[in-house]
Amino acid sequence: MKQKETKTEVLFCTDCSFISNESVILEKKAKAINVHGKEIHGWVVKIAVPATDGPVPLGYTRTEEVE
């Protein structure tokens, strides 16, 4: 049976509800950062997500619009 490919991402978030249900939280640490003199509290989260994008060529330019 072929194992599903995954990739690991590390991100800072203040609301973990935006993490996909397909993601697996590997590590979550409380963290406070300073943004323009204001202290923001959140988490540094390490997640494993499905690697659905496939290979991306080095000359890749984004063509879709960002909403």
PDB file of N, CA and C in Angstrom:
ATOM      1  N   MET A   1       0.848  -1.183   0.000  1.00  0.00           N
ATOM      2  CA  MET A   1       0.000   0.000   0.000  1.00  0.00           C
ATOM      3  C   MET A   1       0.889   1.240   0.000  1.00  0.00           C
ATOM      4  N   LYS A   2       0.567   2.195  -0.861  1.00  0.00           N
ATOM      5  CA  LYS A   2       1.360   3.413  -0.965  1.00  0.00           C
ATOM      6  C   LYS A   2       1.027   4.371   0.184  1.00  0.00           C
ATOM      7  N   GLN A   3       2.070   4.876   0.834  1.00  0.00           N
ATOM      8  CA  GLN A   3       1.891   5.812   1.942  1.00  0.00           C
ATOM      9  C   GLN A   3       1.662   7.216   1.388  1.00  0.00           C
ATOM     10  N   LYS A   4       0.753   7.957   1.998  1.00  0.00           N
ATOM     11  CA  LYS A   4       0.460   9.319   1.581  1.00  0.00           C
ATOM     12  C   LYS A   4       1.646  10.232   1.863  1.00  0.00           C
ATOM     13  N   GLU A   5       2.025  11.058   0.884  1.00  0.00           N
ATOM     14  CA  GLU A   5       3.132  11.986   1.079  1.00  0.00           C
ATOM     15  C   GLU A   5       2.666  13.176   1.912  1.00  0.00           C
ATOM     16  N   THR A   6       3.541  13.624   2.823  1.00  0.00           N
ATOM     17  CA  THR A   6       3.231  14.804   3.637  1.00  0.00           C
ATOM     18  C   THR A   6       4.418  15.742   3.621  1.00  0.00           C
ATOM     19  N   LYS A   7       4.152  16.995   3.978  1.00  0.00           N
ATOM     20  CA  LYS A   7       5.213  17.980   4.167  1.00  0.00           C
ATOM     21  C   LYS A   7       5.002  18.617   5.528  1.00  0.00           C
ATOM     22  N   THR A   8       6.072  19.155   6.084  1.00  0.00           N
ATOM     23  CA  THR A   8       6.010  19.780   7.402  1.00  0.00           C
ATOM     24  C   THR A   8       6.095  21.285   7.242  1.00  0.00           C
ATOM     25  N   GLU A   9       5.226  22.003   7.953  1.00  0.00           N
ATOM     26  CA  GLU A   9       5.227  23.461   7.940  1.00  0.00           C
ATOM     27  C   GLU A   9       5.270  23.961   9.377  1.00  0.00           C
ATOM     28  N   VAL A  10       5.933  25.091   9.584  1.00  0.00           N
ATOM     29  CA  VAL A  10       5.972  25.741  10.890  1.00  0.00           C
ATOM     30  C   VAL A  10       5.373  27.126  10.708  1.00  0.00           C
ATOM     31  N   LEU A  11       4.396  27.473  11.548  1.00  0.00           N
ATOM     32  CA  LEU A  11       3.754  28.777  11.411  1.00  0.00           C
ATOM     33  C   LEU A  11       3.413  29.366  12.765  1.00  0.00           C
ATOM     34  N   PHE A  12       3.232  30.672  12.781  1.00  0.00           N
ATOM     35  CA  PHE A  12       2.786  31.372  13.988  1.00  0.00           C
ATOM     36  C   PHE A  12       1.323  31.695  13.789  1.00  0.00           C
ATOM     37  N   CYS A  13       0.491  31.343  14.762  1.00  0.00           N
ATOM     38  CA  CYS A  13      -0.932  31.670  14.627  1.00  0.00           C
ATOM     39  C   CYS A  13      -1.499  32.134  15.961  1.00  0.00           C
ATOM     40  N   THR A  14      -2.515  32.963  15.873  1.00  0.00           N
ATOM     41  CA  THR A  14      -3.220  33.437  17.061  1.00  0.00           C
ATOM     42  C   THR A  14      -4.563  32.736  17.200  1.00  0.00           C
ATOM     43  N   ASP A  15      -4.964  32.002  16.156  1.00  0.00           N
ATOM     44  CA  ASP A  15      -6.231  31.280  16.168  1.00  0.00           C
ATOM     45  C   ASP A  15      -6.017  29.975  15.397  1.00  0.00           C
ATOM     46  N   CYS A  16      -5.893  28.880  16.105  1.00  0.00           N
ATOM     47  CA  CYS A  16      -5.571  27.598  15.459  1.00  0.00           C
ATOM     48  C   CYS A  16      -6.771  26.981  14.735  1.00  0.00           C
ATOM     49  N   SER A  17      -7.932  27.631  14.768  1.00  0.00           N
ATOM     50  CA  SER A  17      -9.098  27.073  14.077  1.00  0.00           C
ATOM     51  C   SER A  17      -8.933  27.119  12.570  1.00  0.00           C
ATOM     52  N   PHE A  18      -7.950  27.867  12.069  1.00  0.00           N
ATOM     53  CA  PHE A  18      -7.722  27.955  10.629  1.00  0.00           C
ATOM     54  C   PHE A  18      -6.855  26.805  10.109  1.00  0.00           C
ATOM     55  N   ILE A  19      -6.359  25.956  10.990  1.00  0.00           N
ATOM     56  CA  ILE A  19      -5.566  24.805  10.568  1.00  0.00           C
ATOM     57  C   ILE A  19      -6.513  23.752  10.016  1.00  0.00           C
ATOM     58  N   SER A  20      -6.210  23.262   8.829  1.00  0.00           N
ATOM     59  CA  SER A  20      -7.050  22.299   8.126  1.00  0.00           C
ATOM     60  C   SER A  20      -7.241  21.013   8.929  1.00  0.00           C
ATOM     61  N   ASN A  21      -8.404  20.394   8.757  1.00  0.00           N
ATOM     62  CA  ASN A  21      -8.672  19.108   9.406  1.00  0.00           C
ATOM     63  C   ASN A  21      -7.767  18.007   8.859  1.00  0.00           C
ATOM     64  N   GLU A  22      -7.213  18.201   7.660  1.00  0.00           N
ATOM     65  CA  GLU A  22      -6.305  17.229   7.066  1.00  0.00           C
ATOM     66  C   GLU A  22      -4.900  17.327   7.663  1.00  0.00           C
ATOM     67  N   SER A  23      -4.625  18.383   8.399  1.00  0.00           N
ATOM     68  CA  SER A  23      -3.309  18.599   9.005  1.00  0.00           C
ATOM     69  C   SER A  23      -3.215  17.878  10.339  1.00  0.00           C
ATOM     70  N   VAL A  24      -2.002  17.470  10.681  1.00  0.00           N
ATOM     71  CA  VAL A  24      -1.736  16.841  11.972  1.00  0.00           C
ATOM     72  C   VAL A  24      -0.798  17.765  12.734  1.00  0.00           C
ATOM     73  N   ILE A  25      -1.204  18.198  13.932  1.00  0.00           N
ATOM     74  CA  ILE A  25      -0.356  19.070  14.752  1.00  0.00           C
ATOM     75  C   ILE A  25       0.717  18.205  15.407  1.00  0.00           C
ATOM     76  N   LEU A  26       1.981  18.489  15.067  1.00  0.00           N
ATOM     77  CA  LEU A  26       3.112  17.740  15.604  1.00  0.00           C
ATOM     78  C   LEU A  26       3.661  18.376  16.870  1.00  0.00           C
ATOM     79  N   GLU A  27       3.581  19.708  16.953  1.00  0.00           N
ATOM     80  CA  GLU A  27       4.137  20.446  18.081  1.00  0.00           C
ATOM     81  C   GLU A  27       3.433  21.788  18.176  1.00  0.00           C
ATOM     82  N   LYS A  28       3.176  22.259  19.395  1.00  0.00           N
ATOM     83  CA  LYS A  28       2.504  23.551  19.602  1.00  0.00           C
ATOM     84  C   LYS A  28       3.088  24.186  20.857  1.00  0.00           C
ATOM     85  N   LYS A  29       3.721  25.372  20.676  1.00  0.00           N
ATOM     86  CA  LYS A  29       4.345  26.075  21.801  1.00  0.00           C
ATOM     87  C   LYS A  29       3.812  27.498  21.883  1.00  0.00           C
ATOM     88  N   ALA A  30       3.467  27.935  23.087  1.00  0.00           N
ATOM     89  CA  ALA A  30       3.020  29.312  23.295  1.00  0.00           C
ATOM     90  C   ALA A  30       4.171  30.261  22.988  1.00  0.00           C
ATOM     91  N   LYS A  31       3.838  31.404  22.371  1.00  0.00           N
ATOM     92  CA  LYS A  31       4.872  32.367  21.968  1.00  0.00           C
ATOM     93  C   LYS A  31       4.260  33.763  21.957  1.00  0.00           C
ATOM     94  N   ALA A  32       5.018  34.754  22.393  1.00  0.00           N
ATOM     95  CA  ALA A  32       4.628  36.160  22.294  1.00  0.00           C
ATOM     96  C   ALA A  32       5.640  36.847  21.392  1.00  0.00           C
ATOM     97  N   ILE A  33       5.154  37.610  20.413  1.00  0.00           N
ATOM     98  CA  ILE A  33       6.037  38.348  19.513  1.00  0.00           C
ATOM     99  C   ILE A  33       5.688  39.826  19.581  1.00  0.00           C
ATOM    100  N   ASN A  34       6.640  40.657  19.179  1.00  0.00           N
ATOM    101  CA  ASN A  34       6.437  42.097  19.188  1.00  0.00           C
ATOM    102  C   ASN A  34       6.247  42.564  17.743  1.00  0.00           C
ATOM    103  N   VAL A  35       5.100  43.192  17.476  1.00  0.00           N
ATOM    104  CA  VAL A  35       4.798  43.714  16.141  1.00  0.00           C
ATOM    105  C   VAL A  35       4.498  45.208  16.277  1.00  0.00           C
ATOM    106  N   HIS A  36       5.399  46.032  15.758  1.00  0.00           N
ATOM    107  CA  HIS A  36       5.254  47.492  15.814  1.00  0.00           C
ATOM    108  C   HIS A  36       4.962  47.981  17.239  1.00  0.00           C
ATOM    109  N   GLY A  37       5.698  47.425  18.208  1.00  0.00           N
ATOM    110  CA  GLY A  37       5.578  47.861  19.592  1.00  0.00           C
ATOM    111  C   GLY A  37       4.429  47.233  20.363  1.00  0.00           C
ATOM    112  N   LYS A  38       3.638  46.360  19.737  1.00  0.00           N
ATOM    113  CA  LYS A  38       2.516  45.708  20.407  1.00  0.00           C
ATOM    114  C   LYS A  38       2.844  44.228  20.581  1.00  0.00           C
ATOM    115  N   GLU A  39       2.622  43.700  21.788  1.00  0.00           N
ATOM    116  CA  GLU A  39       2.894  42.296  22.048  1.00  0.00           C
ATOM    117  C   GLU A  39       1.705  41.444  21.611  1.00  0.00           C
ATOM    118  N   ILE A  40       1.972  40.480  20.739  1.00  0.00           N
ATOM    119  CA  ILE A  40       0.943  39.586  20.221  1.00  0.00           C
ATOM    120  C   ILE A  40       1.202  38.185  20.776  1.00  0.00           C
ATOM    121  N   HIS A  41       0.176  37.585  21.380  1.00  0.00           N
ATOM    122  CA  HIS A  41       0.288  36.243  21.949  1.00  0.00           C
ATOM    123  C   HIS A  41      -0.335  35.235  20.996  1.00  0.00           C
ATOM    124  N   GLY A  42       0.332  34.107  20.827  1.00  0.00           N
ATOM    125  CA  GLY A  42      -0.160  33.048  19.958  1.00  0.00           C
ATOM    126  C   GLY A  42       0.648  31.786  20.175  1.00  0.00           C
ATOM    127  N   TRP A  43       0.779  30.988  19.117  1.00  0.00           N
ATOM    128  CA  TRP A  43       1.493  29.721  19.179  1.00  0.00           C
ATOM    129  C   TRP A  43       2.371  29.552  17.953  1.00  0.00           C
ATOM    130  N   VAL A  44       3.501  28.890  18.147  1.00  0.00           N
ATOM    131  CA  VAL A  44       4.295  28.404  17.028  1.00  0.00           C
ATOM    132  C   VAL A  44       3.856  26.957  16.873  1.00  0.00           C
ATOM    133  N   VAL A  45       3.309  26.640  15.703  1.00  0.00           N
ATOM    134  CA  VAL A  45       2.723  25.331  15.470  1.00  0.00           C
ATOM    135  C   VAL A  45       3.474  24.637  14.344  1.00  0.00           C
ATOM    136  N   LYS A  46       3.859  23.401  14.591  1.00  0.00           N
ATOM    137  CA  LYS A  46       4.490  22.575  13.559  1.00  0.00           C
ATOM    138  C   LYS A  46       3.443  21.553  13.133  1.00  0.00           C
ATOM    139  N   ILE A  47       3.117  21.546  11.835  1.00  0.00           N
ATOM    140  CA  ILE A  47       2.070  20.654  11.334  1.00  0.00           C
ATOM    141  C   ILE A  47       2.583  19.799  10.181  1.00  0.00           C
ATOM    142  N   ALA A  48       1.979  18.638  10.018  1.00  0.00           N
ATOM    143  CA  ALA A  48       2.215  17.779   8.857  1.00  0.00           C
ATOM    144  C   ALA A  48       0.968  17.901   7.994  1.00  0.00           C
ATOM    145  N   VAL A  49       1.154  18.268   6.732  1.00  0.00           N
ATOM    146  CA  VAL A  49       0.032  18.457   5.808  1.00  0.00           C
ATOM    147  C   VAL A  49       0.245  17.593   4.565  1.00  0.00           C
ATOM    148  N   PRO A  50      -0.857  17.207   3.898  1.00  0.00           N
ATOM    149  CA  PRO A  50      -0.704  16.425   2.670  1.00  0.00           C
ATOM    150  C   PRO A  50       0.100  17.204   1.630  1.00  0.00           C
ATOM    151  N   ALA A  51       1.018  16.537   0.961  1.00  0.00           N
ATOM    152  CA  ALA A  51       1.831  17.168  -0.082  1.00  0.00           C
ATOM    153  C   ALA A  51       1.085  17.016  -1.406  1.00  0.00           C
ATOM    154  N   THR A  52       0.095  17.863  -1.624  1.00  0.00           N
ATOM    155  CA  THR A  52      -0.755  17.737  -2.808  1.00  0.00           C
ATOM    156  C   THR A  52      -0.293  18.605  -3.965  1.00  0.00           C
ATOM    157  N   ASP A  53       0.655  19.495  -3.726  1.00  0.00           N
ATOM    158  CA  ASP A  53       1.074  20.431  -4.765  1.00  0.00           C
ATOM    159  C   ASP A  53       1.949  19.786  -5.832  1.00  0.00           C
ATOM    160  N   GLY A  54       2.658  18.744  -5.477  1.00  0.00           N
ATOM    161  CA  GLY A  54       3.589  18.131  -6.411  1.00  0.00           C
ATOM    162  C   GLY A  54       4.830  18.985  -6.558  1.00  0.00           C
ATOM    163  N   PRO A  55       5.727  18.627  -7.464  1.00  0.00           N
ATOM    164  CA  PRO A  55       6.950  19.399  -7.641  1.00  0.00           C
ATOM    165  C   PRO A  55       6.671  20.786  -8.230  1.00  0.00           C
ATOM    166  N   VAL A  56       7.406  21.773  -7.775  1.00  0.00           N
ATOM    167  CA  VAL A  56       7.273  23.138  -8.282  1.00  0.00           C
ATOM    168  C   VAL A  56       8.589  23.513  -8.939  1.00  0.00           C
ATOM    169  N   PRO A  57       8.567  23.860 -10.227  1.00  0.00           N
ATOM    170  CA  PRO A  57       9.817  24.209 -10.909  1.00  0.00           C
ATOM    171  C   PRO A  57      10.426  25.497 -10.354  1.00  0.00           C
ATOM    172  N   LEU A  58      11.757  25.627 -10.435  1.00  0.00           N
ATOM    173  CA  LEU A  58      12.430  26.813  -9.917  1.00  0.00           C
ATOM    174  C   LEU A  58      11.991  28.091 -10.625  1.00  0.00           C
ATOM    175  N   GLY A  59      11.588  28.005 -11.883  1.00  0.00           N
ATOM    176  CA  GLY A  59      11.150  29.179 -12.635  1.00  0.00           C
ATOM    177  C   GLY A  59       9.669  29.476 -12.476  1.00  0.00           C
ATOM    178  N   TYR A  60       9.013  28.917 -11.453  1.00  0.00           N
ATOM    179  CA  TYR A  60       7.577  29.067 -11.242  1.00  0.00           C
ATOM    180  C   TYR A  60       7.201  30.521 -10.989  1.00  0.00           C
ATOM    181  N   THR A  61       6.190  31.003 -11.692  1.00  0.00           N
ATOM    182  CA  THR A  61       5.618  32.319 -11.408  1.00  0.00           C
ATOM    183  C   THR A  61       4.147  32.125 -11.120  1.00  0.00           C
ATOM    184  N   ARG A  62       3.679  32.766 -10.099  1.00  0.00           N
ATOM    185  CA  ARG A  62       2.283  32.608  -9.679  1.00  0.00           C
ATOM    186  C   ARG A  62       1.372  33.303 -10.679  1.00  0.00           C
ATOM    187  N   THR A  63       0.331  32.587 -11.138  1.00  0.00           N
ATOM    188  CA  THR A  63      -0.560  33.154 -12.139  1.00  0.00           C
ATOM    189  C   THR A  63      -1.976  33.360 -11.632  1.00  0.00           C
ATOM    190  N   GLU A  64      -2.369  32.658 -10.584  1.00  0.00           N
ATOM    191  CA  GLU A  64      -3.733  32.834 -10.091  1.00  0.00           C
ATOM    192  C   GLU A  64      -3.834  34.096  -9.239  1.00  0.00           C
ATOM    193  N   GLU A  65      -5.049  34.646  -9.162  1.00  0.00           N
ATOM    194  CA  GLU A  65      -5.254  35.863  -8.372  1.00  0.00           C
ATOM    195  C   GLU A  65      -5.457  35.514  -6.918  1.00  0.00           C
ATOM    196  N   VAL A  66      -4.989  36.370  -6.036  1.00  0.00           N
ATOM    197  CA  VAL A  66      -5.159  36.217  -4.606  1.00  0.00           C
ATOM    198  C   VAL A  66      -6.380  37.016  -4.199  1.00  0.00           C
ATOM    199  N   GLU A  67      -7.280  36.355  -3.479  1.00  0.00           N
ATOM    200  CA  GLU A  67      -8.514  37.036  -3.037  1.00  0.00           C
ATOM    201  C   GLU A  67      -8.276  37.803  -1.769  1.00  0.00           C
TER     202      GLU A  67
END
